Protein backbone atom coordinates (compact mmCIF):
# COMPACT_ATOMS: atom_id res chain seq x y z
CA MET A 1 0.57 13.97 12.48
CA PRO A 2 1.85 10.41 13.25
CA ASP A 3 3.05 8.65 10.32
CA LYS A 4 1.89 5.90 8.66
CA VAL A 5 2.54 2.63 6.63
CA ALA A 6 0.25 2.17 3.39
CA ASP A 7 -0.20 -0.56 1.43
CA ALA A 8 -0.60 -0.92 -1.85
CA SER A 9 -4.67 -1.35 -1.96
CA ALA A 10 -4.63 2.03 0.43
CA ILE A 11 -2.99 4.12 -1.86
CA ALA A 12 -4.69 2.16 -5.42
CA ALA A 13 -8.39 3.02 -3.66
CA VAL A 14 -7.49 7.10 -3.65
CA LEU A 15 -5.45 6.48 -7.14
CA PHE A 16 -8.09 5.25 -9.32
CA ALA A 17 -11.19 6.27 -7.40
CA GLU A 18 -11.57 3.05 -5.88
CA ASP A 19 -14.29 1.88 -3.40
CA GLY A 20 -13.09 3.33 -0.16
CA ALA A 21 -11.06 5.98 -1.62
CA VAL A 22 -12.59 8.59 0.38
CA THR A 23 -12.59 6.37 3.55
CA MET A 24 -8.51 5.67 2.35
CA ALA A 25 -8.28 9.36 1.91
CA GLU A 26 -8.60 10.79 4.88
CA ALA A 27 -6.61 7.46 6.50
CA LEU A 28 -3.74 9.49 4.73
CA ARG A 29 -4.25 12.88 5.00
CA GLY A 30 -1.99 14.66 6.60
CA HIS A 31 0.73 11.61 7.01
CA THR A 32 3.57 11.39 5.93
CA LEU A 33 3.43 7.33 4.68
CA HIS A 34 6.09 5.12 5.09
CA VAL A 35 5.69 2.21 2.24
CA PRO A 36 8.21 -0.80 0.99
CA ARG A 37 9.70 -0.44 -2.41
CA ILE A 38 7.54 -3.11 -3.96
CA LEU A 39 4.27 -0.32 -3.33
CA GLU A 40 5.71 1.01 -7.29
CA PHE A 41 5.14 -2.18 -8.56
CA GLU A 42 2.26 -3.25 -6.90
CA LEU A 43 0.08 0.95 -8.35
CA THR A 44 2.12 -0.33 -11.87
CA ASN A 45 0.48 -3.46 -12.13
CA VAL A 46 -3.07 -2.30 -10.03
CA ALA A 47 -3.25 0.30 -13.12
CA TRP A 48 -2.12 -2.25 -16.19
CA LYS A 49 -4.89 -4.30 -14.71
CA ARG A 50 -7.39 -1.58 -14.70
CA GLY A 51 -6.38 -0.73 -18.19
CA ARG A 52 -6.98 -4.22 -19.33
CA ARG A 53 -10.30 -3.98 -17.80
CA PHE A 54 -11.38 -0.30 -19.10
CA PRO A 55 -9.39 0.26 -21.77
CA GLN A 56 -11.35 3.25 -23.06
CA ARG A 57 -9.50 4.83 -19.39
CA ALA A 58 -6.02 3.18 -19.53
CA GLN A 59 -4.48 7.48 -20.05
CA GLU A 60 -6.98 7.78 -16.68
CA PHE A 61 -4.95 5.09 -15.40
CA GLU A 62 -1.27 6.05 -16.58
CA ASP A 63 -2.62 9.73 -15.06
CA ALA A 64 -3.01 8.42 -12.17
CA LEU A 65 -0.10 6.52 -11.34
CA GLU A 66 2.28 10.11 -11.65
CA ASP A 67 -0.20 11.95 -9.36
CA LEU A 68 1.93 9.15 -7.02
CA ALA A 69 4.77 11.53 -7.22
CA ARG A 70 2.87 14.17 -5.45
CA TRP A 71 2.36 11.69 -2.02
CA PRO A 72 4.47 12.27 0.83
CA LEU A 73 5.98 9.11 0.52
CA GLN A 74 9.48 7.88 1.93
CA PHE A 75 10.06 4.09 0.14
CA ARG A 76 11.82 2.52 2.66
CA PRO A 77 14.02 -0.85 2.72
CA ILE A 78 13.03 -3.99 4.65
CA ASP A 79 14.72 -6.89 6.39
CA ARG A 80 14.20 -9.54 4.05
CA ARG A 81 14.93 -12.26 6.00
CA ALA A 82 12.23 -10.61 9.29
CA VAL A 83 9.69 -10.20 6.56
CA LEU A 84 10.07 -13.94 5.21
CA ARG A 85 9.53 -15.42 8.53
CA ILE A 86 6.08 -13.21 8.53
CA ALA A 87 5.32 -14.74 5.79
CA TRP A 88 5.52 -17.97 6.74
CA VAL A 89 3.96 -17.67 10.67
CA THR A 90 0.74 -15.58 8.97
CA GLY A 91 0.51 -16.93 5.46
CA LEU A 92 1.15 -13.93 4.08
CA THR A 93 2.52 -12.92 0.87
CA ALA A 94 6.16 -11.64 0.95
CA TYR A 95 4.14 -9.21 -0.22
CA ASP A 96 2.36 -7.98 2.08
CA ALA A 97 4.09 -9.05 4.98
CA SER A 98 6.54 -6.33 4.06
CA TYR A 99 3.74 -3.48 5.32
CA VAL A 100 3.08 -5.52 8.30
CA TRP A 101 6.81 -6.14 9.42
CA LEU A 102 7.84 -2.05 8.19
CA ALA A 103 4.66 -0.62 10.75
CA ARG A 104 5.23 -2.82 13.32
CA HIS A 105 9.60 -1.41 12.64
CA LEU A 106 8.76 1.79 12.79
CA GLY A 107 6.29 1.36 15.53
CA VAL A 108 3.39 3.36 13.66
CA PRO A 109 -0.47 2.12 11.78
CA LEU A 110 -0.74 0.09 9.03
CA VAL A 111 -3.31 1.56 6.49
CA THR A 112 -5.30 -1.27 4.35
CA LEU A 113 -8.27 -1.59 2.83
CA ASP A 114 -7.34 -5.87 2.80
CA LYS A 115 -8.86 -6.97 6.39
CA LYS A 116 -6.63 -10.24 6.30
CA LEU A 117 -3.51 -7.93 6.39
CA ALA A 118 -5.32 -5.72 8.86
CA ALA A 119 -5.62 -8.23 10.98
CA HIS A 120 -2.33 -9.63 11.10
CA ALA A 121 -0.60 -5.66 11.50
CA GLU A 122 -2.79 -5.83 14.79
CA THR A 123 -1.63 -9.14 16.11
CA PHE A 124 1.77 -9.58 14.55
């Protein structure tokens, strides 16, 4: 199966059992997943937000983060200048632009729940 780039929304859906988890799990299963290094920080922030919103489930979110170590993730460096240019052209954040750049650089699909990000990944 071909490699893919997965963004934080796709992985968070599966890790934290959010809407779209089944769809994202199917899209990611069996693939080597390439991600920019920012992913860990983004997912930690998602866990923090969920824990603040649902304090009774904070341990569950913390444990889910640890499950990330078992995922077939390849943390990849990015070209900061190229990411910045993509962000300027598309209006995406630099975080989101890093996923677009990585997918384009590797020539593989981007898996995301973010419709705006998906649209830019297909057209950029």
